Amino acid sequence: MSDAVTHLNAALEGRYSIERELGEGGMATVYLAADLKHERKVAPKVLKEEATDSPRRDSAWAPRTTVSPEQGAGSRGGQDGGAGEGSAR
């Protein structure tokens, strides 16, 4: 397991369990994770430190669930994760 996955699992203990990296771009890395509260798979997108405006490193480790494969992109599904279509978030 990579250092980044180990660090994320420690930071998100009890809420998400990071399984593996799905992909990486210029500004962020996307992981496959289990949402432990809602018992579903999610894809947290973690901004790279250089992509954040905040001087604090912790802000680069704040994941955001952007897509749940079970619901499809842009679907809220009545849950508390992800922005719906047309959302400004």
Protein backbone atom coordinates (compact mmCIF):
# COMPACT_ATOMS: atom_id res chain seq x y z
CA MET A 1 0.00 0.00 0.00
CA SER A 2 1.37 3.44 -0.93
CA ASP A 3 2.24 6.09 1.64
CA ALA A 4 -0.56 8.32 0.31
CA VAL A 5 -3.17 5.57 0.77
CA THR A 6 -1.85 4.82 4.27
CA HIS A 7 -1.98 8.55 5.17
CA LEU A 8 -5.50 8.93 3.78
CA ASN A 9 -6.80 5.84 5.60
CA ALA A 10 -5.42 7.23 8.88
CA ALA A 11 -7.00 10.65 8.26
CA LEU A 12 -10.37 9.18 7.23
CA GLU A 13 -10.59 6.37 9.77
CA GLY A 14 -14.17 5.46 10.57
CA ARG A 15 -15.67 7.26 7.56
CA TYR A 16 -13.95 5.91 4.41
CA SER A 17 -11.58 3.07 3.67
CA ILE A 18 -9.31 3.79 0.70
CA GLU A 19 -8.80 0.66 -1.42
CA ARG A 20 -6.57 1.86 -4.26
CA GLU A 21 -5.67 4.70 -6.60
CA LEU A 22 -7.84 4.95 -9.72
CA GLY A 23 -6.04 7.74 -11.54
CA GLU A 24 -3.97 10.88 -11.28
CA GLY A 25 -4.07 14.17 -13.15
CA GLY A 26 -2.30 17.49 -12.98
CA MET A 27 -4.30 18.78 -10.01
CA ALA A 28 -5.67 15.76 -8.15
CA THR A 29 -5.66 12.02 -7.55
CA VAL A 30 -8.82 9.88 -7.52
CA TYR A 31 -9.12 6.81 -5.31
CA LEU A 32 -11.54 3.90 -4.99
CA ALA A 33 -12.90 3.81 -1.46
CA ALA A 34 -15.64 2.31 0.68
CA ASP A 35 -18.05 4.76 2.33
CA LEU A 36 -18.44 2.97 5.65
CA LYS A 37 -21.52 4.91 6.76
CA HIS A 38 -23.57 4.34 3.59
CA GLU A 39 -22.04 0.97 2.65
CA ARG A 40 -21.20 1.93 -0.93
CA LYS A 41 -18.20 2.46 -3.17
CA VAL A 42 -17.12 6.06 -3.78
CA ALA A 43 -14.34 7.86 -5.62
CA PRO A 44 -12.79 10.57 -3.44
CA LYS A 45 -10.83 13.17 -5.38
CA VAL A 46 -7.88 14.53 -3.43
CA LEU A 47 -6.33 17.80 -4.55
CA LYS A 48 -2.55 17.97 -4.77
CA GLU A 49 -0.90 20.41 -2.39
CA GLU A 50 0.20 22.69 -5.22
CA ALA A 51 -3.41 22.88 -6.49
CA THR A 52 -4.79 24.35 -3.28
CA ASP A 53 -4.83 28.00 -2.26
CA SER A 54 -4.46 27.14 1.40
CA PRO A 55 -0.98 27.22 2.94
CA ARG A 56 -1.95 24.26 5.17
CA ARG A 57 -0.98 20.81 3.90
CA ASP A 58 -4.05 19.26 5.61
CA SER A 59 -6.31 20.96 3.09
CA ALA A 60 -4.72 18.92 0.30
CA TRP A 61 -5.87 15.76 2.07
CA ALA A 62 -9.54 16.75 2.31
CA PRO A 63 -11.25 14.27 -0.02
CA ARG A 64 -14.45 15.00 -1.88
CA THR A 65 -16.70 12.29 -3.18
CA THR A 66 -17.37 13.12 -6.81
CA VAL A 67 -18.81 9.91 -8.29
CA SER A 68 -20.40 6.80 -6.83
CA PRO A 69 -20.35 4.02 -9.45
CA GLU A 70 -23.60 2.60 -8.04
CA GLN A 71 -25.44 5.88 -8.65
CA GLY A 72 -23.66 7.31 -11.68
CA ALA A 73 -22.03 10.68 -12.22
CA GLY A 74 -23.97 13.72 -11.06
CA SER A 75 -26.52 11.75 -9.02
CA ARG A 76 -27.18 12.67 -5.40
CA GLY A 77 -29.31 9.64 -4.65
CA GLY A 78 -30.64 11.25 -1.48
CA GLN A 79 -27.26 10.86 0.22
CA ASP A 80 -24.91 13.52 1.56
CA GLY A 81 -22.08 13.06 -0.94
CA GLY A 82 -21.34 14.66 -4.29
CA ALA A 83 -22.89 17.53 -6.15
CA GLY A 84 -25.86 17.06 -8.44
CA GLU A 85 -26.02 18.09 -12.09
CA GLY A 86 -25.77 21.83 -12.56
CA SER A 87 -24.46 22.33 -9.04
CA ALA A 88 -22.05 25.16 -8.49
CA ARG A 89 -20.05 23.18 -5.90
